Amino acid sequence: MNTKLTLSIDEKTIVRAKIFARKRNKSLSRLIENYLRAVTVEEPNAGEMSPVVAELSGVVDAGRVQGHRSDYAAYLTDKYR
C-alpha cells in the first residue's frame, strides 16, 4: 500500500534530483523510496565484532604501519625524482 508523503526540500536540490532520476529512467518517488528502504534495513548484529575480528583486534601496531607507509613513500619519491 502506497502512502503520500510531503517533504520540504530546497528547490535546487529537487531540480538536481529530478535530473538524476530522469537520467536513470526512474521516478523521484522511486529513488527516494529505494534510498529510505536501504537506510532503514537493519543489519544483523550491527555494531558487533565477529569473533575473528575481536581476536585479531590490536594485533597490528598502527604506528608501525604508518611509519612503513611513510618509508615507502620516501622510497618512491627518491626513485622517481
C-alpha atoms as a PDB file:
ATOM      1  CA  MET A   1       0.000   0.000   0.000  1.00  0.00           C
ATOM      2  CA  ASN A   2       1.432   3.375  -1.003  1.00  0.00           C
ATOM      3  CA  THR A   3       1.042   6.420   1.212  1.00  0.00           C
ATOM      4  CA  LYS A   4       1.638  10.018   0.215  1.00  0.00           C
ATOM      5  CA  LEU A   5       4.403  11.928   1.968  1.00  0.00           C
ATOM      6  CA  THR A   6       5.049  15.660   1.889  1.00  0.00           C
ATOM      7  CA  LEU A   7       8.655  16.800   2.116  1.00  0.00           C
ATOM      8  CA  SER A   8      10.198  20.255   2.279  1.00  0.00           C
ATOM      9  CA  ILE A   9      13.376  20.283   0.206  1.00  0.00           C
ATOM     10  CA  ASP A  10      15.457  23.081  -1.258  1.00  0.00           C
ATOM     11  CA  GLU A  11      14.308  23.853  -4.822  1.00  0.00           C
ATOM     12  CA  LYS A  12      17.774  23.479  -6.360  1.00  0.00           C
ATOM     13  CA  THR A  13      18.127  20.073  -4.754  1.00  0.00           C
ATOM     14  CA  ILE A  14      14.779  18.992  -6.183  1.00  0.00           C
ATOM     15  CA  VAL A  15      15.772  20.104  -9.686  1.00  0.00           C
ATOM     16  CA  ARG A  16      19.081  18.195  -9.476  1.00  0.00           C
ATOM     17  CA  ALA A  17      17.318  15.132  -8.064  1.00  0.00           C
ATOM     18  CA  LYS A  18      14.756  15.142 -10.895  1.00  0.00           C
ATOM     19  CA  ILE A  19      17.559  15.318 -13.470  1.00  0.00           C
ATOM     20  CA  PHE A  20      19.360  12.476 -11.677  1.00  0.00           C
ATOM     21  CA  ALA A  21      16.167  10.376 -11.683  1.00  0.00           C
ATOM     22  CA  ARG A  22      15.388  11.137 -15.331  1.00  0.00           C
ATOM     23  CA  LYS A  23      18.881  10.031 -16.415  1.00  0.00           C
ATOM     24  CA  ARG A  24      18.247   6.698 -14.720  1.00  0.00           C
ATOM     25  CA  ASN A  25      14.716   6.305 -16.098  1.00  0.00           C
ATOM     26  CA  LYS A  26      13.227   6.298 -12.611  1.00  0.00           C
ATOM     27  CA  SER A  27      10.746   8.490 -10.806  1.00  0.00           C
ATOM     28  CA  LEU A  28      11.883  10.710  -7.983  1.00  0.00           C
ATOM     29  CA  SER A  29       9.445   8.892  -5.709  1.00  0.00           C
ATOM     30  CA  ARG A  30      11.034   5.542  -6.596  1.00  0.00           C
ATOM     31  CA  LEU A  31      14.542   6.888  -5.900  1.00  0.00           C
ATOM     32  CA  ILE A  32      13.517   8.258  -2.519  1.00  0.00           C
ATOM     33  CA  GLU A  33      11.681   5.048  -1.642  1.00  0.00           C
ATOM     34  CA  ASN A  34      14.726   2.941  -2.567  1.00  0.00           C
ATOM     35  CA  TYR A  35      17.004   5.208  -0.532  1.00  0.00           C
ATOM     36  CA  LEU A  36      14.759   5.050   2.531  1.00  0.00           C
ATOM     37  CA  ARG A  37      14.459   1.283   2.199  1.00  0.00           C
ATOM     38  CA  ALA A  38      18.254   0.952   2.025  1.00  0.00           C
ATOM     39  CA  VAL A  39      18.994   3.127   5.062  1.00  0.00           C
ATOM     40  CA  THR A  40      16.317   1.563   7.252  1.00  0.00           C
ATOM     41  CA  VAL A  41      17.238  -2.092   6.740  1.00  0.00           C
ATOM     42  CA  GLU A  42      18.536  -3.497   9.994  1.00  0.00           C
ATOM     43  CA  GLU A  43      21.713  -5.440   9.625  1.00  0.00           C
ATOM     44  CA  PRO A  44      22.039  -8.483  11.843  1.00  0.00           C
ATOM     45  CA  ASN A  45      24.444  -7.872  14.712  1.00  0.00           C
ATOM     46  CA  ALA A  46      25.144  -4.338  13.517  1.00  0.00           C
ATOM     47  CA  GLY A  47      27.997  -2.858  15.500  1.00  0.00           C
ATOM     48  CA  GLU A  48      29.150  -6.174  16.910  1.00  0.00           C
ATOM     49  CA  MET A  49      32.561  -7.614  16.042  1.00  0.00           C
ATOM     50  CA  SER A  50      32.797 -11.130  14.777  1.00  0.00           C
ATOM     51  CA  PRO A  51      34.881 -13.455  16.955  1.00  0.00           C
ATOM     52  CA  VAL A  52      37.674 -13.454  14.349  1.00  0.00           C
ATOM     53  CA  VAL A  53      37.813  -9.638  14.217  1.00  0.00           C
ATOM     54  CA  ALA A  54      37.768  -9.439  18.016  1.00  0.00           C
ATOM     55  CA  GLU A  55      40.621 -11.946  18.204  1.00  0.00           C
ATOM     56  CA  LEU A  56      42.733 -10.018  15.675  1.00  0.00           C
ATOM     57  CA  SER A  57      41.942  -6.603  17.101  1.00  0.00           C
ATOM     58  CA  GLY A  58      45.124  -4.895  18.294  1.00  0.00           C
ATOM     59  CA  VAL A  59      47.489  -7.375  16.641  1.00  0.00           C
ATOM     60  CA  VAL A  60      48.900  -4.782  14.230  1.00  0.00           C
ATOM     61  CA  ASP A  61      50.681  -1.747  15.648  1.00  0.00           C
ATOM     62  CA  ALA A  62      49.114   1.183  13.770  1.00  0.00           C
ATOM     63  CA  GLY A  63      52.125   3.418  14.418  1.00  0.00           C
ATOM     64  CA  ARG A  64      54.402   0.887  12.791  1.00  0.00           C
ATOM     65  CA  VAL A  65      52.152   0.559   9.756  1.00  0.00           C
ATOM     66  CA  GLN A  66      52.018   4.327   9.299  1.00  0.00           C
ATOM     67  CA  GLY A  67      55.814   4.516   9.562  1.00  0.00           C
ATOM     68  CA  HIS A  68      56.117   1.791   6.967  1.00  0.00           C
ATOM     69  CA  ARG A  69      53.908   3.722   4.577  1.00  0.00           C
ATOM     70  CA  SER A  70      55.921   6.899   5.001  1.00  0.00           C
ATOM     71  CA  ASP A  71      59.162   4.951   4.431  1.00  0.00           C
ATOM     72  CA  TYR A  72      57.710   3.526   1.249  1.00  0.00           C
ATOM     73  CA  ALA A  73      56.516   6.972   0.141  1.00  0.00           C
ATOM     74  CA  ALA A  74      60.045   8.327   0.701  1.00  0.00           C
ATOM     75  CA  TYR A  75      61.455   5.423  -1.316  1.00  0.00           C
ATOM     76  CA  LEU A  76      59.096   6.159  -4.222  1.00  0.00           C
ATOM     77  CA  THR A  77      59.865   9.890  -4.072  1.00  0.00           C
ATOM     78  CA  ASP A  78      63.600   9.187  -4.309  1.00  0.00           C
ATOM     79  CA  LYS A  79      63.113   6.591  -7.036  1.00  0.00           C
ATOM     80  CA  TYR A  80      61.049   8.814  -9.324  1.00  0.00           C
ATOM     81  CA  ARG A  81      62.835  12.156  -8.801  1.00  0.00           C
END
